[in-house]
Amino acid sequence: MKVGFIKSVTALNDWRLFVEMETGSVMVVDLSHKLDTARFGDLRDLKLFRSVSTDGDIVLWGDGRVRLMARELMDVVFVEKKEAL
């Protein structure tokens, strides 16, 4: 049985995700600043954004219409933190 990095992902308000990692760590990831990009612009559709799921390694919306690798998700978290400093 393959185990990924991400245990679960849930859409929150304001284009944020609640992500539970296999390690037991949790994080809230704000994707609102990504909505003006070509890659993530489709996520402005609230129904699509709420369709979020994971296979453990990839965060998926709309059955893979929009995809975000676990590593890229961590980059979003760390870039936000760095910009806040």
PDB file of N, CA and C in Angstrom:
ATOM      1  N   MET A   1       0.840  -1.189   0.000  1.00  0.00           N
ATOM      2  CA  MET A   1       0.000   0.000   0.000  1.00  0.00           C
ATOM      3  C   MET A   1       0.881   1.246   0.000  1.00  0.00           C
ATOM      4  N   LYS A   2       0.643   2.120  -0.944  1.00  0.00           N
ATOM      5  CA  LYS A   2       1.404   3.362  -1.067  1.00  0.00           C
ATOM      6  C   LYS A   2       0.834   4.419  -0.130  1.00  0.00           C
ATOM      7  N   VAL A   3       1.705   5.064   0.610  1.00  0.00           N
ATOM      8  CA  VAL A   3       1.282   6.154   1.495  1.00  0.00           C
ATOM      9  C   VAL A   3       1.912   7.435   0.990  1.00  0.00           C
ATOM     10  N   GLY A   4       1.090   8.467   0.805  1.00  0.00           N
ATOM     11  CA  GLY A   4       1.590   9.748   0.331  1.00  0.00           C
ATOM     12  C   GLY A   4       1.914  10.667   1.485  1.00  0.00           C
ATOM     13  N   PHE A   5       2.145  11.903   1.169  1.00  0.00           N
ATOM     14  CA  PHE A   5       2.474  12.918   2.162  1.00  0.00           C
ATOM     15  C   PHE A   5       1.226  13.531   2.786  1.00  0.00           C
ATOM     16  N   ILE A   6       0.165  13.629   1.994  1.00  0.00           N
ATOM     17  CA  ILE A   6      -1.039  14.323   2.421  1.00  0.00           C
ATOM     18  C   ILE A   6      -2.106  13.293   2.811  1.00  0.00           C
ATOM     19  N   LYS A   7      -2.613  13.428   4.024  1.00  0.00           N
ATOM     20  CA  LYS A   7      -3.655  12.511   4.504  1.00  0.00           C
ATOM     21  C   LYS A   7      -5.039  12.970   4.054  1.00  0.00           C
ATOM     22  N   SER A   8      -5.322  14.264   4.202  1.00  0.00           N
ATOM     23  CA  SER A   8      -6.623  14.787   3.781  1.00  0.00           C
ATOM     24  C   SER A   8      -6.506  16.269   3.474  1.00  0.00           C
ATOM     25  N   VAL A   9      -7.455  16.755   2.700  1.00  0.00           N
ATOM     26  CA  VAL A   9      -7.510  18.173   2.357  1.00  0.00           C
ATOM     27  C   VAL A   9      -8.979  18.586   2.303  1.00  0.00           C
ATOM     28  N   THR A  10      -9.267  19.749   2.909  1.00  0.00           N
ATOM     29  CA  THR A  10     -10.628  20.257   2.983  1.00  0.00           C
ATOM     30  C   THR A  10     -10.645  21.724   2.572  1.00  0.00           C
ATOM     31  N   ALA A  11     -11.594  22.094   1.745  1.00  0.00           N
ATOM     32  CA  ALA A  11     -11.748  23.498   1.348  1.00  0.00           C
ATOM     33  C   ALA A  11     -12.366  24.282   2.497  1.00  0.00           C
ATOM     34  N   LEU A  12     -11.789  25.428   2.789  1.00  0.00           N
ATOM     35  CA  LEU A  12     -12.310  26.363   3.783  1.00  0.00           C
ATOM     36  C   LEU A  12     -12.816  27.609   3.061  1.00  0.00           C
ATOM     37  N   ASN A  13     -13.318  28.565   3.797  1.00  0.00           N
ATOM     38  CA  ASN A  13     -13.742  29.847   3.216  1.00  0.00           C
ATOM     39  C   ASN A  13     -12.535  30.641   2.740  1.00  0.00           C
ATOM     40  N   ASP A  14     -12.785  31.591   1.866  1.00  0.00           N
ATOM     41  CA  ASP A  14     -11.763  32.537   1.394  1.00  0.00           C
ATOM     42  C   ASP A  14     -10.603  31.859   0.679  1.00  0.00           C
ATOM     43  N   TRP A  15     -10.881  30.805  -0.028  1.00  0.00           N
ATOM     44  CA  TRP A  15      -9.892  30.097  -0.846  1.00  0.00           C
ATOM     45  C   TRP A  15      -8.692  29.600  -0.041  1.00  0.00           C
ATOM     46  N   ARG A  16      -9.016  29.075   1.134  1.00  0.00           N
ATOM     47  CA  ARG A  16      -7.992  28.449   1.966  1.00  0.00           C
ATOM     48  C   ARG A  16      -8.256  26.948   2.015  1.00  0.00           C
ATOM     49  N   LEU A  17      -7.190  26.189   2.248  1.00  0.00           N
ATOM     50  CA  LEU A  17      -7.286  24.744   2.397  1.00  0.00           C
ATOM     51  C   LEU A  17      -6.805  24.337   3.780  1.00  0.00           C
ATOM     52  N   PHE A  18      -7.504  23.400   4.382  1.00  0.00           N
ATOM     53  CA  PHE A  18      -7.042  22.764   5.613  1.00  0.00           C
ATOM     54  C   PHE A  18      -6.422  21.452   5.174  1.00  0.00           C
ATOM     55  N   VAL A  19      -5.127  21.296   5.443  1.00  0.00           N
ATOM     56  CA  VAL A  19      -4.387  20.129   4.980  1.00  0.00           C
ATOM     57  C   VAL A  19      -3.840  19.367   6.177  1.00  0.00           C
ATOM     58  N   GLU A  20      -4.164  18.083   6.239  1.00  0.00           N
ATOM     59  CA  GLU A  20      -3.611  17.207   7.271  1.00  0.00           C
ATOM     60  C   GLU A  20      -2.577  16.315   6.603  1.00  0.00           C
ATOM     61  N   MET A  21      -1.366  16.343   7.144  1.00  0.00           N
ATOM     62  CA  MET A  21      -0.271  15.547   6.593  1.00  0.00           C
ATOM     63  C   MET A  21      -0.241  14.171   7.251  1.00  0.00           C
ATOM     64  N   GLU A  22       0.368  13.215   6.596  1.00  0.00           N
ATOM     65  CA  GLU A  22       0.506  11.865   7.156  1.00  0.00           C
ATOM     66  C   GLU A  22       1.301  11.871   8.457  1.00  0.00           C
ATOM     67  N   THR A  23       2.133  12.877   8.662  1.00  0.00           N
ATOM     68  CA  THR A  23       2.936  12.982   9.886  1.00  0.00           C
ATOM     69  C   THR A  23       2.107  13.419  11.088  1.00  0.00           C
ATOM     70  N   GLY A  24       0.875  13.856  10.829  1.00  0.00           N
ATOM     71  CA  GLY A  24       0.022  14.381  11.890  1.00  0.00           C
ATOM     72  C   GLY A  24       0.006  15.899  11.938  1.00  0.00           C
ATOM     73  N   SER A  25       0.904  16.539  11.214  1.00  0.00           N
ATOM     74  CA  SER A  25       0.918  17.998  11.138  1.00  0.00           C
ATOM     75  C   SER A  25      -0.278  18.483  10.335  1.00  0.00           C
ATOM     76  N   VAL A  26      -0.749  19.672  10.664  1.00  0.00           N
ATOM     77  CA  VAL A  26      -1.829  20.288   9.907  1.00  0.00           C
ATOM     78  C   VAL A  26      -1.414  21.697   9.517  1.00  0.00           C
ATOM     79  N   MET A  27      -1.997  22.200   8.441  1.00  0.00           N
ATOM     80  CA  MET A  27      -1.702  23.564   8.016  1.00  0.00           C
ATOM     81  C   MET A  27      -2.894  24.113   7.263  1.00  0.00           C
ATOM     82  N   VAL A  28      -2.987  25.418   7.279  1.00  0.00           N
ATOM     83  CA  VAL A  28      -3.981  26.125   6.486  1.00  0.00           C
ATOM     84  C   VAL A  28      -3.210  26.869   5.405  1.00  0.00           C
ATOM     85  N   VAL A  29      -3.584  26.612   4.166  1.00  0.00           N
ATOM     86  CA  VAL A  29      -2.885  27.195   3.020  1.00  0.00           C
ATOM     87  C   VAL A  29      -3.831  28.166   2.327  1.00  0.00           C
ATOM     88  N   ASP A  30      -3.409  29.398   2.183  1.00  0.00           N
ATOM     89  CA  ASP A  30      -4.195  30.441   1.527  1.00  0.00           C
ATOM     90  C   ASP A  30      -3.818  30.488   0.051  1.00  0.00           C
ATOM     91  N   LEU A  31      -4.748  30.138  -0.803  1.00  0.00           N
ATOM     92  CA  LEU A  31      -4.497  30.164  -2.245  1.00  0.00           C
ATOM     93  C   LEU A  31      -5.103  31.389  -2.922  1.00  0.00           C
ATOM     94  N   SER A  32      -5.672  32.304  -2.148  1.00  0.00           N
ATOM     95  CA  SER A  32      -6.363  33.455  -2.737  1.00  0.00           C
ATOM     96  C   SER A  32      -5.450  34.290  -3.623  1.00  0.00           C
ATOM     97  N   HIS A  33      -4.186  34.399  -3.272  1.00  0.00           N
ATOM     98  CA  HIS A  33      -3.264  35.205  -4.086  1.00  0.00           C
ATOM     99  C   HIS A  33      -2.842  34.497  -5.361  1.00  0.00           C
ATOM    100  N   LYS A  34      -3.218  33.247  -5.539  1.00  0.00           N
ATOM    101  CA  LYS A  34      -2.898  32.496  -6.760  1.00  0.00           C
ATOM    102  C   LYS A  34      -4.020  32.555  -7.796  1.00  0.00           C
ATOM    103  N   LEU A  35      -5.176  33.091  -7.411  1.00  0.00           N
ATOM    104  CA  LEU A  35      -6.343  33.050  -8.284  1.00  0.00           C
ATOM    105  C   LEU A  35      -6.217  33.912  -9.531  1.00  0.00           C
ATOM    106  N   ASP A  36      -5.290  34.839  -9.550  1.00  0.00           N
ATOM    107  CA  ASP A  36      -5.085  35.686 -10.725  1.00  0.00           C
ATOM    108  C   ASP A  36      -4.062  35.111 -11.694  1.00  0.00           C
ATOM    109  N   THR A  37      -3.633  33.874 -11.452  1.00  0.00           N
ATOM    110  CA  THR A  37      -2.681  33.231 -12.352  1.00  0.00           C
ATOM    111  C   THR A  37      -3.428  32.329 -13.328  1.00  0.00           C
ATOM    112  N   ALA A  38      -2.830  32.098 -14.469  1.00  0.00           N
ATOM    113  CA  ALA A  38      -3.450  31.231 -15.472  1.00  0.00           C
ATOM    114  C   ALA A  38      -3.649  29.819 -14.928  1.00  0.00           C
ATOM    115  N   ARG A  39      -2.723  29.340 -14.167  1.00  0.00           N
ATOM    116  CA  ARG A  39      -2.784  27.973 -13.662  1.00  0.00           C
ATOM    117  C   ARG A  39      -3.915  27.755 -12.654  1.00  0.00           C
ATOM    118  N   PHE A  40      -4.155  28.722 -11.786  1.00  0.00           N
ATOM    119  CA  PHE A  40      -5.128  28.546 -10.710  1.00  0.00           C
ATOM    120  C   PHE A  40      -6.382  29.404 -10.856  1.00  0.00           C
ATOM    121  N   GLY A  41      -6.491  30.150 -11.928  1.00  0.00           N
ATOM    122  CA  GLY A  41      -7.640  31.034 -12.134  1.00  0.00           C
ATOM    123  C   GLY A  41      -8.985  30.315 -12.122  1.00  0.00           C
ATOM    124  N   ASP A  42      -9.019  29.081 -12.599  1.00  0.00           N
ATOM    125  CA  ASP A  42     -10.271  28.319 -12.596  1.00  0.00           C
ATOM    126  C   ASP A  42     -10.815  28.110 -11.185  1.00  0.00           C
ATOM    127  N   LEU A  43      -9.939  28.187 -10.176  1.00  0.00           N
ATOM    128  CA  LEU A  43     -10.364  27.954  -8.791  1.00  0.00           C
ATOM    129  C   LEU A  43     -11.206  29.100  -8.227  1.00  0.00           C
ATOM    130  N   ARG A  44     -11.346  30.192  -8.979  1.00  0.00           N
ATOM    131  CA  ARG A  44     -12.268  31.262  -8.556  1.00  0.00           C
ATOM    132  C   ARG A  44     -13.697  30.754  -8.520  1.00  0.00           C
ATOM    133  N   ASP A  45     -13.961  29.700  -9.291  1.00  0.00           N
ATOM    134  CA  ASP A  45     -15.264  29.037  -9.273  1.00  0.00           C
ATOM    135  C   ASP A  45     -15.363  28.277  -7.951  1.00  0.00           C
ATOM    136  N   LEU A  46     -16.206  28.761  -7.048  1.00  0.00           N
ATOM    137  CA  LEU A  46     -16.299  28.199  -5.699  1.00  0.00           C
ATOM    138  C   LEU A  46     -16.676  26.719  -5.709  1.00  0.00           C
ATOM    139  N   LYS A  47     -17.541  26.332  -6.619  1.00  0.00           N
ATOM    140  CA  LYS A  47     -17.919  24.913  -6.715  1.00  0.00           C
ATOM    141  C   LYS A  47     -16.701  24.060  -7.063  1.00  0.00           C
ATOM    142  N   LEU A  48     -15.893  24.519  -7.996  1.00  0.00           N
ATOM    143  CA  LEU A  48     -14.669  23.796  -8.349  1.00  0.00           C
ATOM    144  C   LEU A  48     -13.711  23.768  -7.166  1.00  0.00           C
ATOM    145  N   PHE A  49     -13.532  24.910  -6.506  1.00  0.00           N
ATOM    146  CA  PHE A  49     -12.603  24.962  -5.372  1.00  0.00           C
ATOM    147  C   PHE A  49     -13.013  23.974  -4.284  1.00  0.00           C
ATOM    148  N   ARG A  50     -14.291  23.873  -4.024  1.00  0.00           N
ATOM    149  CA  ARG A  50     -14.787  22.966  -2.976  1.00  0.00           C
ATOM    150  C   ARG A  50     -14.710  21.491  -3.380  1.00  0.00           C
ATOM    151  N   SER A  51     -14.412  21.198  -4.638  1.00  0.00           N
ATOM    152  CA  SER A  51     -14.290  19.817  -5.101  1.00  0.00           C
ATOM    153  C   SER A  51     -12.916  19.223  -4.801  1.00  0.00           C
ATOM    154  N   VAL A  52     -12.136  19.867  -3.975  1.00  0.00           N
ATOM    155  CA  VAL A  52     -10.752  19.462  -3.698  1.00  0.00           C
ATOM    156  C   VAL A  52     -10.677  18.050  -3.118  1.00  0.00           C
ATOM    157  N   SER A  53      -9.640  17.334  -3.537  1.00  0.00           N
ATOM    158  CA  SER A  53      -9.361  15.994  -3.024  1.00  0.00           C
ATOM    159  C   SER A  53      -7.856  15.767  -3.125  1.00  0.00           C
ATOM    160  N   THR A  54      -7.407  14.619  -2.637  1.00  0.00           N
ATOM    161  CA  THR A  54      -5.989  14.289  -2.737  1.00  0.00           C
ATOM    162  C   THR A  54      -5.825  12.796  -2.949  1.00  0.00           C
ATOM    163  N   ASP A  55      -4.729  12.440  -3.603  1.00  0.00           N
ATOM    164  CA  ASP A  55      -4.357  11.032  -3.715  1.00  0.00           C
ATOM    165  C   ASP A  55      -3.172  10.736  -2.791  1.00  0.00           C
ATOM    166  N   GLY A  56      -2.834  11.714  -1.955  1.00  0.00           N
ATOM    167  CA  GLY A  56      -1.715  11.574  -1.032  1.00  0.00           C
ATOM    168  C   GLY A  56      -0.478  12.331  -1.479  1.00  0.00           C
ATOM    169  N   ASP A  57      -0.311  12.470  -2.777  1.00  0.00           N
ATOM    170  CA  ASP A  57       0.839  13.191  -3.324  1.00  0.00           C
ATOM    171  C   ASP A  57       0.440  14.445  -4.085  1.00  0.00           C
ATOM    172  N   ILE A  58      -0.800  14.483  -4.547  1.00  0.00           N
ATOM    173  CA  ILE A  58      -1.284  15.586  -5.377  1.00  0.00           C
ATOM    174  C   ILE A  58      -2.612  16.082  -4.809  1.00  0.00           C
ATOM    175  N   VAL A  59      -2.793  17.406  -4.773  1.00  0.00           N
ATOM    176  CA  VAL A  59      -4.081  18.011  -4.458  1.00  0.00           C
ATOM    177  C   VAL A  59      -4.764  18.241  -5.795  1.00  0.00           C
ATOM    178  N   LEU A  60      -6.012  17.783  -5.891  1.00  0.00           N
ATOM    179  CA  LEU A  60      -6.738  17.807  -7.154  1.00  0.00           C
ATOM    180  C   LEU A  60      -8.057  18.553  -7.012  1.00  0.00           C
ATOM    181  N   TRP A  61      -8.431  19.241  -8.063  1.00  0.00           N
ATOM    182  CA  TRP A  61      -9.747  19.873  -8.147  1.00  0.00           C
ATOM    183  C   TRP A  61     -10.391  19.422  -9.441  1.00  0.00           C
ATOM    184  N   GLY A  62     -11.698  19.197  -9.409  1.00  0.00           N
ATOM    185  CA  GLY A  62     -12.413  18.841 -10.632  1.00  0.00           C
ATOM    186  C   GLY A  62     -11.852  17.602 -11.295  1.00  0.00           C
ATOM    187  N   ASP A  63     -11.612  16.551 -10.510  1.00  0.00           N
ATOM    188  CA  ASP A  63     -11.083  15.285 -11.036  1.00  0.00           C
ATOM    189  C   ASP A  63      -9.781  15.468 -11.816  1.00  0.00           C
ATOM    190  N   GLY A  64      -8.945  16.384 -11.352  1.00  0.00           N
ATOM    191  CA  GLY A  64      -7.630  16.581 -11.964  1.00  0.00           C
ATOM    192  C   GLY A  64      -7.544  17.750 -12.917  1.00  0.00           C
ATOM    193  N   ARG A  65      -8.627  18.490 -13.068  1.00  0.00           N
ATOM    194  CA  ARG A  65      -8.618  19.683 -13.946  1.00  0.00           C
ATOM    195  C   ARG A  65      -7.537  20.662 -13.494  1.00  0.00           C
ATOM    196  N   VAL A  66      -7.427  20.846 -12.173  1.00  0.00           N
ATOM    197  CA  VAL A  66      -6.354  21.653 -11.585  1.00  0.00           C
ATOM    198  C   VAL A  66      -5.623  20.744 -10.612  1.00  0.00           C
ATOM    199  N   ARG A  67      -4.283  20.759 -10.683  1.00  0.00           N
ATOM    200  CA  ARG A  67      -3.472  19.860  -9.859  1.00  0.00           C
ATOM    201  C   ARG A  67      -2.351  20.643  -9.172  1.00  0.00           C
ATOM    202  N   LEU A  68      -2.047  20.224  -7.956  1.00  0.00           N
ATOM    203  CA  LEU A  68      -0.971  20.849  -7.188  1.00  0.00           C
ATOM    204  C   LEU A  68      -0.220  19.740  -6.461  1.00  0.00           C
ATOM    205  N   MET A  69       1.041  19.547  -6.811  1.00  0.00           N
ATOM    206  CA  MET A  69       1.856  18.514  -6.178  1.00  0.00           C
ATOM    207  C   MET A  69       2.128  18.893  -4.725  1.00  0.00           C
ATOM    208  N   ALA A  70       2.333  17.896  -3.879  1.00  0.00           N
ATOM    209  CA  ALA A  70       2.605  18.137  -2.457  1.00  0.00           C
ATOM    210  C   ALA A  70       3.787  19.089  -2.288  1.00  0.00           C
ATOM    211  N   ARG A  71       4.815  18.906  -3.071  1.00  0.00           N
ATOM    212  CA  ARG A  71       6.001  19.779  -2.983  1.00  0.00           C
ATOM    213  C   ARG A  71       5.643  21.229  -3.328  1.00  0.00           C
ATOM    214  N   GLU A  72       4.810  21.404  -4.346  1.00  0.00           N
ATOM    215  CA  GLU A  72       4.381  22.745  -4.732  1.00  0.00           C
ATOM    216  C   GLU A  72       3.516  23.373  -3.635  1.00  0.00           C
ATOM    217  N   LEU A  73       2.711  22.557  -2.988  1.00  0.00           N
ATOM    218  CA  LEU A  73       1.887  23.040  -1.880  1.00  0.00           C
ATOM    219  C   LEU A  73       2.777  23.590  -0.774  1.00  0.00           C
ATOM    220  N   MET A  74       3.844  22.886  -0.472  1.00  0.00           N
ATOM    221  CA  MET A  74       4.772  23.351   0.548  1.00  0.00           C
ATOM    222  C   MET A  74       5.459  24.646   0.109  1.00  0.00           C
ATOM    223  N   ASP A  75       5.759  24.770  -1.178  1.00  0.00           N
ATOM    224  CA  ASP A  75       6.345  26.007  -1.690  1.00  0.00           C
ATOM    225  C   ASP A  75       5.399  27.183  -1.464  1.00  0.00           C
ATOM    226  N   VAL A  76       4.099  26.970  -1.671  1.00  0.00           N
ATOM    227  CA  VAL A  76       3.112  28.029  -1.437  1.00  0.00           C
ATOM    228  C   VAL A  76       3.163  28.453   0.026  1.00  0.00           C
ATOM    229  N   VAL A  77       3.228  27.482   0.924  1.00  0.00           N
ATOM    230  CA  VAL A  77       3.268  27.776   2.361  1.00  0.00           C
ATOM    231  C   VAL A  77       4.520  28.567   2.711  1.00  0.00           C
ATOM    232  N   PHE A  78       5.673  28.122   2.237  1.00  0.00           N
ATOM    233  CA  PHE A  78       6.921  28.776   2.616  1.00  0.00           C
ATOM    234  C   PHE A  78       7.104  30.121   1.954  1.00  0.00           C
ATOM    235  N   VAL A  79       6.621  30.303   0.727  1.00  0.00           N
ATOM    236  CA  VAL A  79       6.711  31.600   0.064  1.00  0.00           C
ATOM    237  C   VAL A  79       5.834  32.606   0.794  1.00  0.00           C
ATOM    238  N   GLU A  80       4.608  32.178   1.200  1.00  0.00           N
ATOM    239  CA  GLU A  80       3.739  33.069   1.967  1.00  0.00           C
ATOM    240  C   GLU A  80       4.410  33.509   3.258  1.00  0.00           C
ATOM    241  N   LYS A  81       5.010  32.557   3.936  1.00  0.00           N
ATOM    242  CA  LYS A  81       5.663  32.865   5.215  1.00  0.00           C
ATOM    243  C   LYS A  81       6.825  33.828   4.990  1.00  0.00           C
ATOM    244  N   LYS A  82       7.624  33.593   3.961  1.00  0.00           N
ATOM    245  CA  LYS A  82       8.772  34.448   3.667  1.00  0.00           C
ATOM    246  C   LYS A  82       8.310  35.870   3.321  1.00  0.00           C
ATOM    247  N   GLU A  83       7.235  35.972   2.518  1.00  0.00           N
ATOM    248  CA  GLU A  83       6.723  37.291   2.121  1.00  0.00           C
ATOM    249  C   GLU A  83       6.165  38.048   3.321  1.00  0.00           C
ATOM    250  N   ALA A  84       5.666  37.331   4.300  1.00  0.00           N
ATOM    251  CA  ALA A  84       5.089  37.965   5.495  1.00  0.00           C
ATOM    252  C   ALA A  84       6.175  38.549   6.401  1.00  0.00           C
ATOM    253  N   LEU A  85       7.377  38.023   6.295  1.00  0.00           N
ATOM    254  CA  LEU A  85       8.469  38.502   7.154  1.00  0.00           C
ATOM    255  C   LEU A  85       8.953  39.818   6.729  1.00  0.00           C
TER     256      LEU A  85
END
